[in-house]
N, C-alpha and C. Protein backbone atom coordinates (compact mmCIF):
# COMPACT_ATOMS: atom_id res chain seq x y z
N UNK A 1 30.60 8.88 -3.97
CA UNK A 1 30.37 7.40 -3.75
C UNK A 1 29.18 8.36 -2.93
N UNK A 2 27.96 7.65 -3.04
CA UNK A 2 26.68 7.70 -2.91
C UNK A 2 26.18 6.20 -1.51
N UNK A 3 27.49 6.32 -0.27
CA UNK A 3 27.12 5.11 0.79
C UNK A 3 26.36 5.30 1.39
N UNK A 4 25.68 4.50 1.63
CA UNK A 4 23.98 4.33 2.28
C UNK A 4 23.17 5.27 2.25
N UNK A 5 22.70 5.55 0.89
CA UNK A 5 21.85 6.67 0.77
C UNK A 5 20.94 5.85 0.36
N UNK A 6 19.49 6.28 1.17
CA UNK A 6 18.56 4.83 0.30
C UNK A 6 17.60 5.70 -0.95
N UNK A 7 17.92 6.62 -0.58
CA UNK A 7 16.59 7.34 -0.80
C UNK A 7 16.85 8.06 -2.53
N UNK A 8 15.90 7.81 -3.43
CA UNK A 8 16.20 8.83 -4.33
C UNK A 8 15.53 10.74 -4.62
N UNK A 9 17.10 11.07 -5.11
CA UNK A 9 16.10 12.56 -4.59
C UNK A 9 15.41 13.00 -5.97
N UNK A 10 15.62 13.09 -7.34
CA UNK A 10 14.45 13.37 -8.20
C UNK A 10 14.50 14.83 -8.34
N UNK A 11 16.35 15.28 -8.36
CA UNK A 11 16.50 16.08 -8.60
C UNK A 11 15.82 17.82 -7.52
N UNK A 12 15.74 17.26 -6.38
CA UNK A 12 15.15 18.47 -5.68
C UNK A 12 15.37 17.85 -4.18
N UNK A 13 14.92 19.68 -3.68
CA UNK A 13 15.47 19.65 -1.94
C UNK A 13 14.25 19.06 -1.47
N UNK A 14 14.70 19.13 -0.14
CA UNK A 14 14.13 18.10 0.63
C UNK A 14 12.89 18.54 0.96
N UNK A 15 12.50 19.37 1.22
CA UNK A 15 10.61 19.65 1.16
C UNK A 15 9.79 19.51 0.21
N UNK A 16 10.40 19.91 -1.52
CA UNK A 16 9.69 20.01 -2.23
C UNK A 16 9.73 18.13 -2.87
N UNK A 17 11.03 17.66 -2.08
CA UNK A 17 11.24 16.32 -2.68
C UNK A 17 9.81 15.45 -1.77
N UNK A 18 9.78 15.69 -0.37
CA UNK A 18 9.03 15.05 0.45
C UNK A 18 7.04 15.14 0.26
N UNK A 19 7.00 16.43 -0.31
CA UNK A 19 5.74 17.06 -0.83
C UNK A 19 5.37 16.26 -2.20
N UNK A 20 6.23 15.84 -2.56
CA UNK A 20 5.90 15.52 -4.30
C UNK A 20 6.10 13.89 -3.72
N UNK A 21 6.70 13.33 -2.49
CA UNK A 21 6.56 11.60 -3.13
C UNK A 21 5.12 11.74 -2.01
N UNK A 22 5.03 12.17 -1.23
CA UNK A 22 3.23 12.57 -0.80
C UNK A 22 2.01 12.25 -1.65
N UNK A 23 1.98 13.72 -2.48
CA UNK A 23 1.25 13.74 -3.13
C UNK A 23 1.37 12.65 -4.16
N UNK A 24 2.31 11.58 -4.84
CA UNK A 24 1.85 10.45 -5.58
C UNK A 24 2.23 8.68 -4.44
N UNK A 25 2.55 9.35 -3.71
CA UNK A 25 1.34 7.80 -2.36
C UNK A 25 -0.32 8.67 -2.25
N UNK A 26 -0.46 9.65 -2.07
CA UNK A 26 -2.41 10.00 -2.16
C UNK A 26 -2.62 9.56 -3.72
N UNK A 27 -2.24 10.08 -5.01
CA UNK A 27 -2.49 9.54 -6.03
C UNK A 27 -2.64 8.15 -5.68
N UNK A 28 -1.78 7.01 -5.72
CA UNK A 28 -1.68 5.50 -6.03
C UNK A 28 -3.15 4.59 -4.74
N UNK A 29 -2.78 5.93 -4.03
CA UNK A 29 -4.19 5.23 -2.54
C UNK A 29 -5.57 5.40 -3.12
N UNK A 30 -5.25 7.21 -3.68
CA UNK A 30 -6.90 7.58 -4.15
C UNK A 30 -7.41 6.38 -6.06
N UNK A 31 -6.42 6.74 -6.65
CA UNK A 31 -6.96 5.49 -7.90
C UNK A 31 -6.97 4.14 -7.70
N UNK A 32 -5.87 3.55 -7.54
CA UNK A 32 -5.69 1.95 -7.02
C UNK A 32 -4.80 1.85 -8.69
N UNK A 33 -4.46 3.03 -9.59
CA UNK A 33 -3.55 2.61 -10.55
C UNK A 33 -3.16 3.90 -11.15
N UNK A 34 -1.59 3.71 -10.92
CA UNK A 34 -1.18 5.18 -11.37
C UNK A 34 -0.26 4.69 -12.04
N UNK A 35 -0.26 5.37 -13.76
CA UNK A 35 0.95 5.13 -14.65
C UNK A 35 2.09 6.33 -14.05
N UNK A 36 3.58 5.84 -14.26
CA UNK A 36 4.46 6.70 -13.55
C UNK A 36 5.82 6.07 -14.69
N UNK A 37 6.91 6.52 -13.83
CA UNK A 37 8.09 6.15 -14.08
C UNK A 37 8.41 4.88 -13.16
N UNK A 38 9.77 3.97 -13.53
CA UNK A 38 9.92 2.99 -13.18
C UNK A 38 10.34 3.26 -11.71
N UNK A 39 11.63 4.83 -11.93
CA UNK A 39 11.87 4.73 -10.49
C UNK A 39 11.07 5.49 -9.85
N UNK A 40 9.92 6.38 -9.44
CA UNK A 40 8.94 6.51 -9.13
C UNK A 40 8.98 5.70 -8.80
N UNK A 41 7.84 5.04 -8.97
CA UNK A 41 7.36 3.31 -8.75
C UNK A 41 8.00 2.58 -7.37
N UNK A 42 9.41 2.48 -8.14
CA UNK A 42 9.98 1.70 -6.98
C UNK A 42 10.07 3.13 -5.57
N UNK A 43 10.36 3.91 -5.25
CA UNK A 43 10.17 5.14 -4.54
C UNK A 43 9.49 5.41 -3.65
N UNK A 44 8.19 4.99 -4.38
CA UNK A 44 6.83 5.31 -3.40
C UNK A 44 6.45 3.47 -3.28
N UNK A 45 6.48 2.82 -3.71
CA UNK A 45 6.34 1.33 -3.25
C UNK A 45 6.45 1.38 -1.90
N UNK A 46 7.70 1.26 -0.73
CA UNK A 46 7.71 1.16 0.09
C UNK A 46 6.71 1.70 1.34
N UNK A 47 6.88 2.99 0.67
CA UNK A 47 6.15 4.53 1.28
C UNK A 47 4.53 4.29 1.86
N UNK A 48 4.02 3.76 0.76
CA UNK A 48 2.20 3.27 0.45
C UNK A 48 2.24 1.77 0.92
N UNK A 49 3.11 0.65 1.20
CA UNK A 49 3.13 -0.11 1.70
C UNK A 49 3.45 -0.28 3.42
N UNK A 50 3.90 0.67 3.99
CA UNK A 50 3.79 1.41 5.47
C UNK A 50 2.63 1.94 5.76
N UNK A 51 2.29 2.81 5.16
CA UNK A 51 1.21 3.34 5.54
C UNK A 51 0.16 2.18 5.43
N UNK A 52 0.10 1.17 4.37
CA UNK A 52 -1.35 0.48 4.89
C UNK A 52 -0.77 -0.79 5.65
N UNK A 53 0.29 -0.82 6.03
CA UNK A 53 0.83 -1.31 7.39
C UNK A 53 0.41 -1.14 8.58
N UNK A 54 0.62 0.30 8.89
CA UNK A 54 -0.81 0.89 10.04
C UNK A 54 -2.00 0.81 9.35
N UNK A 55 -2.17 1.13 8.87
CA UNK A 55 -3.78 1.05 8.79
C UNK A 55 -4.45 -0.71 9.06
N UNK A 56 -3.81 -1.37 9.08
CA UNK A 56 -4.21 -2.52 9.69
C UNK A 56 -4.35 -2.28 10.59
N UNK A 57 -3.43 -2.12 11.73
CA UNK A 57 -3.80 -1.87 12.97
C UNK A 57 -4.62 -1.08 13.82
N UNK A 58 -6.40 -1.59 13.55
CA UNK A 58 -7.35 -0.36 13.94
C UNK A 58 -7.47 0.26 15.28
N UNK A 59 -6.65 1.04 15.64
CA UNK A 59 -6.69 2.14 16.25
C UNK A 59 -7.24 3.33 16.59
N UNK A 60 -6.97 4.01 17.20
CA UNK A 60 -7.28 5.52 17.30
C UNK A 60 -5.94 6.22 16.83
N UNK A 61 -4.58 5.50 17.11
CA UNK A 61 -3.17 6.26 17.42
C UNK A 61 -2.53 6.70 16.16
N UNK A 62 -3.76 5.04 15.49
CA UNK A 62 -3.14 4.95 13.81
C UNK A 62 -3.24 5.71 12.78
N UNK A 63 -4.95 5.44 13.41
CA UNK A 63 -5.84 6.95 12.17
C UNK A 63 -5.31 7.59 12.76
N UNK A 64 -5.04 8.62 13.48
CA UNK A 64 -3.95 10.00 13.43
C UNK A 64 -2.61 9.74 13.53
N UNK A 65 -1.97 8.28 13.10
CA UNK A 65 -0.93 8.33 12.80
C UNK A 65 -0.75 8.88 11.18
N UNK A 66 -1.59 8.23 10.38
CA UNK A 66 -2.04 7.82 8.81
C UNK A 66 -2.15 9.55 8.56
N UNK A 67 -3.41 10.17 9.04
CA UNK A 67 -3.62 11.91 8.79
C UNK A 67 -2.29 12.32 8.76
N UNK A 68 -1.32 12.59 9.94
CA UNK A 68 -0.48 13.15 9.94
C UNK A 68 0.51 12.80 9.07
N UNK A 69 0.73 11.53 8.51
CA UNK A 69 1.67 11.53 7.19
C UNK A 69 0.64 11.85 6.11
N UNK A 70 -0.12 11.52 5.95
CA UNK A 70 -0.67 11.41 4.29
C UNK A 70 -1.33 13.20 4.19
N UNK A 71 -1.05 13.95 5.41
CA UNK A 71 -1.94 15.46 5.17
C UNK A 71 -3.73 15.46 4.28
N UNK A 72 -4.09 14.67 4.25
CA UNK A 72 -4.84 14.43 3.49
C UNK A 72 -6.05 14.13 4.40
N UNK A 73 -7.28 13.81 4.79
CA UNK A 73 -8.57 13.54 6.29
C UNK A 73 -9.32 11.92 4.61
N UNK A 74 -9.03 12.28 3.64
CA UNK A 74 -10.28 11.75 2.90
C UNK A 74 -8.99 10.31 2.74
N UNK A 75 -7.72 10.59 2.28
CA UNK A 75 -6.63 9.71 1.81
C UNK A 75 -7.16 8.57 3.35
N UNK A 76 -6.79 9.68 4.20
CA UNK A 76 -6.42 8.58 5.71
C UNK A 76 -7.72 8.04 5.60
N UNK A 77 -8.90 8.04 5.73
CA UNK A 77 -9.91 7.42 5.99
C UNK A 77 -10.19 6.05 4.65
N UNK A 78 -9.56 6.39 4.08
CA UNK A 78 -9.95 5.70 2.41
C UNK A 78 -8.63 4.15 3.06
N UNK A 79 -7.55 4.88 3.76
CA UNK A 79 -6.29 3.94 4.32
C UNK A 79 -7.08 3.16 5.32
N UNK A 80 -7.97 4.13 5.92
CA UNK A 80 -8.54 3.08 7.44
C UNK A 80 -9.25 1.94 7.60
N UNK A 81 -10.44 2.82 6.24
CA UNK A 81 -11.70 1.99 6.51
C UNK A 81 -11.66 0.66 5.33
N UNK A 82 -11.25 0.90 4.47
CA UNK A 82 -10.85 0.18 2.79
C UNK A 82 -9.66 -0.96 2.99
N UNK A 83 -8.76 0.01 3.35
CA UNK A 83 -7.28 -0.54 2.15
C UNK A 83 -7.25 -1.36 3.21
N UNK A 84 -7.01 -1.11 4.80
CA UNK A 84 -6.57 -1.17 5.93
C UNK A 84 -7.65 -3.26 6.58
N UNK A 85 -9.25 -3.12 6.62
CA UNK A 85 -9.34 -4.47 6.62
C UNK A 85 -8.56 -5.38 5.54
N UNK A 86 -8.56 -5.06 4.64
CA UNK A 86 -8.71 -5.61 3.31
C UNK A 86 -7.44 -6.61 2.35
N UNK A 87 -7.14 -6.04 3.47
CA UNK A 87 -5.22 -6.43 3.38
C UNK A 87 -5.06 -7.25 4.97
N UNK A 88 -5.73 -7.06 5.54
CA UNK A 88 -5.38 -7.20 7.24
C UNK A 88 -4.76 -9.05 6.73
N UNK A 89 -5.67 -10.01 6.71
CA UNK A 89 -4.53 -11.31 6.73
C UNK A 89 -3.40 -11.25 6.01
N UNK A 90 -3.35 -10.22 4.37
CA UNK A 90 -2.42 -10.22 4.44
C UNK A 90 -0.83 -9.60 4.66
N UNK A 91 0.19 -10.43 4.86
CA UNK A 91 1.49 -9.94 5.77
C UNK A 91 2.21 -8.74 4.91
N UNK A 92 2.20 -8.73 3.76
CA UNK A 92 2.82 -7.57 3.02
C UNK A 92 2.60 -7.74 1.60
N UNK A 93 3.44 -7.02 0.41
CA UNK A 93 3.12 -6.91 -0.78
C UNK A 93 2.28 -6.95 -1.88
N UNK A 94 1.80 -5.69 -0.88
CA UNK A 94 0.26 -5.06 -1.63
C UNK A 94 0.15 -4.27 -2.84
N UNK A 95 1.57 -4.17 -3.26
CA UNK A 95 1.62 -3.07 -4.50
C UNK A 95 2.03 -4.62 -5.46
N UNK A 96 2.11 -3.32 -6.90
CA UNK A 96 2.85 -4.91 -7.96
C UNK A 96 2.84 -3.57 -9.02
N UNK A 97 4.43 -3.64 -9.12
CA UNK A 97 4.88 -2.90 -10.25
C UNK A 97 5.31 -4.04 -12.00
N UNK A 98 4.92 -3.03 -12.54
CA UNK A 98 4.30 -3.92 -14.21
C UNK A 98 5.04 -2.58 -15.17
N UNK A 99 5.98 -3.05 -15.53
CA UNK A 99 6.99 -2.16 -16.62
C UNK A 99 6.51 -2.31 -17.54
N UNK A 100 6.15 -1.02 -18.38
CA UNK A 100 5.26 -0.70 -19.88
C UNK A 100 6.30 -0.98 -21.37
N UNK A 101 5.59 -1.13 -22.04
CA UNK A 101 6.58 -1.00 -22.60
C UNK A 101 6.75 -0.03 -23.81
N UNK A 102 5.86 0.99 -23.65
CA UNK A 102 6.27 2.19 -24.14
C UNK A 102 7.24 2.79 -23.12
N UNK A 103 7.70 4.15 -23.82
CA UNK A 103 8.48 5.37 -23.04
C UNK A 103 8.08 6.46 -22.88
N UNK A 104 8.64 7.42 -22.34
CA UNK A 104 7.81 8.86 -22.47
C UNK A 104 8.88 9.03 -23.09
N UNK A 105 7.61 9.83 -24.09
CA UNK A 105 8.57 10.67 -25.27
C UNK A 105 9.11 11.72 -25.45
N UNK A 106 9.44 12.60 -24.05
CA UNK A 106 10.34 13.54 -24.07
C UNK A 106 11.67 13.88 -24.10
N UNK A 107 11.59 11.97 -23.16
CA UNK A 107 13.29 12.09 -23.00
C UNK A 107 13.49 10.60 -22.55
N UNK A 108 12.40 9.14 -23.08
CA UNK A 108 12.30 8.49 -23.13
C UNK A 108 12.81 7.73 -22.00
N UNK A 109 12.07 7.99 -20.79
CA UNK A 109 12.39 7.17 -19.90
C UNK A 109 11.11 6.26 -19.94
N UNK A 110 11.55 5.06 -19.18
CA UNK A 110 11.44 3.75 -18.83
C UNK A 110 9.94 3.91 -18.63
N UNK A 111 8.39 3.33 -18.48
CA UNK A 111 7.20 4.26 -17.89
C UNK A 111 7.22 2.49 -17.15
N UNK A 112 6.64 3.23 -15.53
CA UNK A 112 5.77 1.34 -15.67
C UNK A 112 4.32 1.61 -15.04
N UNK A 113 3.36 1.05 -14.17
CA UNK A 113 1.77 0.79 -13.58
C UNK A 113 2.14 0.50 -12.34
N UNK A 114 2.42 1.18 -11.58
CA UNK A 114 1.65 1.01 -9.67
C UNK A 114 0.40 0.54 -9.29
N UNK A 115 0.01 -0.42 -8.92
CA UNK A 115 -1.46 -0.91 -8.64
C UNK A 115 -1.26 -1.43 -7.27
N UNK A 116 -2.63 -2.17 -7.01
CA UNK A 116 -2.86 -3.11 -5.53
C UNK A 116 -2.80 -4.25 -6.21
N UNK A 117 -2.55 -5.06 -5.34
CA UNK A 117 -2.18 -5.99 -5.51
C UNK A 117 -4.07 -6.94 -5.42
């Protein structure tokens, strides 16, 4: 049984899984809208929302924390300069997951769109 296990493993070891999640989060931040599987969208949503919450408080320490978490200075700059001030008055719920009617052709996995509100 999977007692107290909070995250999906996506059939990957720890290092590749962290890299995969970070890259997916960077794609969502960069593009604003990404179509992926439902499970991946649900797994990435809390991660991106925590990054935006960090970016809302405009301090040098938070800027450095963003760079440390996303491993990309351009993405960290976009979070800090665009997305943080945009959601400064909002208390949470920065992302929306919309389930799509289509399924992936090769394995029938349900697809979803994750986007900023």
